Amino acid sequence: AEADDAARLARGWAALVLARDLLAGSRTRARAGSRPIRGLGMERIEAGDLGHLRGKLPSDAAWVLEDVAGPADLWNAEVRWWRELDDAGGRMLGHPASGAQAVVGTFAVLLADAHRVQGALELAARGGLDEEVARATL
């Protein structure tokens, strides 16, 4: 309750999980009582497409699916979520060190760092970036 940013991030992640299920043609997690649905504070979600799903989600969860029109856009939403996790964690670290927000902020920043390290290790295991891609991204 003391870390509003953390609750917003958790709801955003739950929305991502539901969007993945919807795009994969699965509704297993959208059933009543599932963890993502409970995390959104809802009983159930009936959605046929992403636009409908966005409309059913609470505003503090729908942000992560902004500009997502289909499966090809979903990875952008996940990148947005990871960036927001890191940014929100940094903001929460600005609070007194003994408060709940500082603790949650530390966890958020460490989680974002671990995700970046995992990505770097995976990239290294695959032989690194293609020279053309490296030039375009640097």
C-alpha atoms as a PDB file:
ATOM      1  CA  ALA A   1       0.000   0.000   0.000  1.00  0.00           C
ATOM      2  CA  GLU A   2       2.948   2.347   0.617  1.00  0.00           C
ATOM      3  CA  ALA A   3       4.513   1.705  -2.796  1.00  0.00           C
ATOM      4  CA  ASP A   4       1.971   2.839  -5.399  1.00  0.00           C
ATOM      5  CA  ASP A   5       4.499   2.466  -8.229  1.00  0.00           C
ATOM      6  CA  ALA A   6       4.978  -1.192  -7.322  1.00  0.00           C
ATOM      7  CA  ALA A   7       1.245  -1.883  -7.475  1.00  0.00           C
ATOM      8  CA  ARG A   8       1.041  -0.173 -10.884  1.00  0.00           C
ATOM      9  CA  LEU A   9       3.937  -2.258 -12.170  1.00  0.00           C
ATOM     10  CA  ALA A  10       2.409  -5.491 -10.872  1.00  0.00           C
ATOM     11  CA  ARG A  11      -0.886  -4.695 -12.586  1.00  0.00           C
ATOM     12  CA  GLY A  12       0.965  -3.839 -15.788  1.00  0.00           C
ATOM     13  CA  TRP A  13       2.746  -7.200 -15.686  1.00  0.00           C
ATOM     14  CA  ALA A  14      -0.579  -8.997 -15.141  1.00  0.00           C
ATOM     15  CA  ALA A  15      -1.953  -7.172 -18.198  1.00  0.00           C
ATOM     16  CA  LEU A  16       1.038  -8.353 -20.248  1.00  0.00           C
ATOM     17  CA  VAL A  17       0.435 -11.954 -19.175  1.00  0.00           C
ATOM     18  CA  LEU A  18      -3.212 -11.730 -20.194  1.00  0.00           C
ATOM     19  CA  ALA A  19      -2.324 -10.104 -23.536  1.00  0.00           C
ATOM     20  CA  ARG A  20       0.162 -12.895 -24.295  1.00  0.00           C
ATOM     21  CA  ASP A  21      -2.477 -15.506 -23.528  1.00  0.00           C
ATOM     22  CA  LEU A  22      -5.019 -13.714 -25.690  1.00  0.00           C
ATOM     23  CA  LEU A  23      -2.610 -13.437 -28.628  1.00  0.00           C
ATOM     24  CA  ALA A  24      -1.587 -17.069 -28.246  1.00  0.00           C
ATOM     25  CA  GLY A  25      -5.254 -18.086 -28.459  1.00  0.00           C
ATOM     26  CA  SER A  26      -5.280 -19.283 -24.862  1.00  0.00           C
ATOM     27  CA  ARG A  27      -7.646 -18.100 -22.177  1.00  0.00           C
ATOM     28  CA  THR A  28      -6.269 -20.256 -19.390  1.00  0.00           C
ATOM     29  CA  ARG A  29      -5.144 -17.332 -17.254  1.00  0.00           C
ATOM     30  CA  ALA A  30      -8.212 -15.225 -18.005  1.00  0.00           C
ATOM     31  CA  ARG A  31     -10.485 -17.585 -16.107  1.00  0.00           C
ATOM     32  CA  ALA A  32     -12.084 -16.451 -12.898  1.00  0.00           C
ATOM     33  CA  GLY A  33      -9.776 -16.624  -9.912  1.00  0.00           C
ATOM     34  CA  SER A  34      -6.519 -16.857 -11.874  1.00  0.00           C
ATOM     35  CA  ARG A  35      -3.498 -15.064 -10.439  1.00  0.00           C
ATOM     36  CA  PRO A  36      -3.307 -12.316 -13.126  1.00  0.00           C
ATOM     37  CA  ILE A  37      -7.007 -11.585 -12.755  1.00  0.00           C
ATOM     38  CA  ARG A  38      -6.783 -11.412  -8.963  1.00  0.00           C
ATOM     39  CA  GLY A  39      -3.731  -9.157  -9.326  1.00  0.00           C
ATOM     40  CA  LEU A  40      -5.859  -6.740 -11.315  1.00  0.00           C
ATOM     41  CA  GLY A  41      -8.563  -6.783  -8.649  1.00  0.00           C
ATOM     42  CA  MET A  42     -11.097  -8.240 -11.083  1.00  0.00           C
ATOM     43  CA  GLU A  43     -13.361 -11.266 -11.043  1.00  0.00           C
ATOM     44  CA  ARG A  44     -12.889 -12.242 -14.685  1.00  0.00           C
ATOM     45  CA  ILE A  45     -12.079 -10.819 -18.103  1.00  0.00           C
ATOM     46  CA  GLU A  46     -13.812 -11.668 -21.342  1.00  0.00           C
ATOM     47  CA  ALA A  47     -11.864 -10.165 -24.234  1.00  0.00           C
ATOM     48  CA  GLY A  48     -11.778 -11.071 -27.893  1.00  0.00           C
ATOM     49  CA  ASP A  49      -8.954  -8.775 -28.981  1.00  0.00           C
ATOM     50  CA  LEU A  50      -6.310  -6.460 -27.526  1.00  0.00           C
ATOM     51  CA  GLY A  51      -8.421  -3.340 -27.877  1.00  0.00           C
ATOM     52  CA  HIS A  52     -11.227  -4.954 -25.936  1.00  0.00           C
ATOM     53  CA  LEU A  53      -8.792  -6.222 -23.306  1.00  0.00           C
ATOM     54  CA  ARG A  54      -7.301  -2.721 -22.891  1.00  0.00           C
ATOM     55  CA  GLY A  55     -10.801  -1.331 -22.412  1.00  0.00           C
ATOM     56  CA  LYS A  56     -11.570  -3.836 -19.658  1.00  0.00           C
ATOM     57  CA  LEU A  57      -8.351  -3.282 -17.710  1.00  0.00           C
ATOM     58  CA  PRO A  58      -7.985  -0.779 -14.883  1.00  0.00           C
ATOM     59  CA  SER A  59      -6.153   2.362 -16.065  1.00  0.00           C
ATOM     60  CA  ASP A  60      -3.135   1.554 -13.907  1.00  0.00           C
ATOM     61  CA  ALA A  61      -2.737  -1.703 -15.869  1.00  0.00           C
ATOM     62  CA  ALA A  62      -3.742  -0.672 -19.391  1.00  0.00           C
ATOM     63  CA  TRP A  63      -0.767   1.685 -19.797  1.00  0.00           C
ATOM     64  CA  VAL A  64       1.536  -1.192 -20.667  1.00  0.00           C
ATOM     65  CA  LEU A  65      -0.574  -2.181 -23.690  1.00  0.00           C
ATOM     66  CA  GLU A  66      -0.673   1.315 -25.160  1.00  0.00           C
ATOM     67  CA  ASP A  67       0.123   1.222 -28.900  1.00  0.00           C
ATOM     68  CA  VAL A  68       0.009  -2.599 -28.988  1.00  0.00           C
ATOM     69  CA  ALA A  69      -2.011  -3.654 -32.026  1.00  0.00           C
ATOM     70  CA  GLY A  70      -0.892  -7.259 -32.386  1.00  0.00           C
ATOM     71  CA  PRO A  71       1.644  -9.931 -31.523  1.00  0.00           C
ATOM     72  CA  ALA A  72       4.517  -8.095 -33.232  1.00  0.00           C
ATOM     73  CA  ASP A  73       4.012  -5.116 -30.890  1.00  0.00           C
ATOM     74  CA  LEU A  74       3.850  -7.096 -27.672  1.00  0.00           C
ATOM     75  CA  TRP A  75       7.617  -7.209 -27.230  1.00  0.00           C
ATOM     76  CA  ASN A  76       7.628  -3.381 -27.254  1.00  0.00           C
ATOM     77  CA  ALA A  77       5.169  -3.462 -24.371  1.00  0.00           C
ATOM     78  CA  GLU A  78       7.441  -5.763 -22.419  1.00  0.00           C
ATOM     79  CA  VAL A  79      10.448  -3.501 -23.073  1.00  0.00           C
ATOM     80  CA  ARG A  80       8.337  -0.545 -21.865  1.00  0.00           C
ATOM     81  CA  TRP A  81       7.465  -2.473 -18.704  1.00  0.00           C
ATOM     82  CA  TRP A  82      11.118  -3.316 -17.924  1.00  0.00           C
ATOM     83  CA  ARG A  83      12.148   0.319 -18.467  1.00  0.00           C
ATOM     84  CA  GLU A  84       9.360   1.529 -16.230  1.00  0.00           C
ATOM     85  CA  LEU A  85      10.391  -1.017 -13.575  1.00  0.00           C
ATOM     86  CA  ASP A  86      13.917   0.397 -13.585  1.00  0.00           C
ATOM     87  CA  ASP A  87      12.727   4.032 -13.620  1.00  0.00           C
ATOM     88  CA  ALA A  88      10.133   3.497 -10.881  1.00  0.00           C
ATOM     89  CA  GLY A  89      12.684   1.632  -8.789  1.00  0.00           C
ATOM     90  CA  GLY A  90      15.032   4.599  -9.055  1.00  0.00           C
ATOM     91  CA  ARG A  91      12.244   6.976  -8.008  1.00  0.00           C
ATOM     92  CA  MET A  92      11.354   4.776  -5.038  1.00  0.00           C
ATOM     93  CA  LEU A  93      15.003   4.720  -3.935  1.00  0.00           C
ATOM     94  CA  GLY A  94      14.741   8.464  -3.381  1.00  0.00           C
ATOM     95  CA  HIS A  95      12.559   7.865  -0.318  1.00  0.00           C
ATOM     96  CA  PRO A  96      13.913   7.396   3.220  1.00  0.00           C
ATOM     97  CA  ALA A  97      16.083   4.274   3.434  1.00  0.00           C
ATOM     98  CA  SER A  98      13.950   2.697   6.140  1.00  0.00           C
ATOM     99  CA  GLY A  99      10.656   3.039   4.250  1.00  0.00           C
ATOM    100  CA  ALA A 100       8.804   0.415   2.246  1.00  0.00           C
ATOM    101  CA  GLN A 101       9.294   2.324  -1.015  1.00  0.00           C
ATOM    102  CA  ALA A 102      13.076   2.206  -0.663  1.00  0.00           C
ATOM    103  CA  VAL A 103      12.959  -1.553  -0.107  1.00  0.00           C
ATOM    104  CA  VAL A 104      10.660  -2.123  -3.080  1.00  0.00           C
ATOM    105  CA  GLY A 105      12.738   0.297  -5.163  1.00  0.00           C
ATOM    106  CA  THR A 106      15.906  -1.659  -4.400  1.00  0.00           C
ATOM    107  CA  PHE A 107      14.227  -4.896  -5.435  1.00  0.00           C
ATOM    108  CA  ALA A 108      12.896  -3.302  -8.651  1.00  0.00           C
ATOM    109  CA  VAL A 109      16.296  -1.942  -9.687  1.00  0.00           C
ATOM    110  CA  LEU A 110      18.024  -5.251  -8.910  1.00  0.00           C
ATOM    111  CA  LEU A 111      15.383  -7.156 -10.899  1.00  0.00           C
ATOM    112  CA  ALA A 112      15.829  -4.836 -13.895  1.00  0.00           C
ATOM    113  CA  ASP A 113      19.615  -5.254 -13.655  1.00  0.00           C
ATOM    114  CA  ALA A 114      19.275  -9.045 -13.516  1.00  0.00           C
ATOM    115  CA  HIS A 115      17.070  -8.935 -16.615  1.00  0.00           C
ATOM    116  CA  ARG A 116      19.709  -6.908 -18.494  1.00  0.00           C
ATOM    117  CA  VAL A 117      22.455  -9.316 -17.434  1.00  0.00           C
ATOM    118  CA  GLN A 118      20.355 -12.276 -18.577  1.00  0.00           C
ATOM    119  CA  GLY A 119      19.875 -10.617 -21.957  1.00  0.00           C
ATOM    120  CA  ALA A 120      23.590  -9.862 -22.287  1.00  0.00           C
ATOM    121  CA  LEU A 121      24.535 -13.438 -21.412  1.00  0.00           C
ATOM    122  CA  GLU A 122      22.036 -14.823 -23.892  1.00  0.00           C
ATOM    123  CA  LEU A 123      23.345 -12.514 -26.594  1.00  0.00           C
ATOM    124  CA  ALA A 124      26.943 -13.534 -25.831  1.00  0.00           C
ATOM    125  CA  ALA A 125      25.988 -17.231 -25.943  1.00  0.00           C
ATOM    126  CA  ARG A 126      24.559 -16.682 -29.423  1.00  0.00           C
ATOM    127  CA  GLY A 127      27.769 -15.093 -30.650  1.00  0.00           C
ATOM    128  CA  GLY A 128      26.962 -11.426 -30.071  1.00  0.00           C
ATOM    129  CA  LEU A 129      25.366  -8.863 -32.321  1.00  0.00           C
ATOM    130  CA  ASP A 130      25.633  -8.992 -36.071  1.00  0.00           C
ATOM    131  CA  GLU A 131      28.067  -6.213 -37.140  1.00  0.00           C
ATOM    132  CA  GLU A 132      25.343  -4.325 -39.047  1.00  0.00           C
ATOM    133  CA  VAL A 133      22.909  -4.521 -36.130  1.00  0.00           C
ATOM    134  CA  ALA A 134      25.620  -3.392 -33.701  1.00  0.00           C
ATOM    135  CA  ARG A 135      26.350  -0.292 -35.811  1.00  0.00           C
ATOM    136  CA  ALA A 136      22.649   0.534 -36.031  1.00  0.00           C
ATOM    137  CA  THR A 137      22.083   0.195 -32.279  1.00  0.00           C
ATOM    138  CA  LEU A 138      25.207   1.945 -30.980  1.00  0.00           C
END
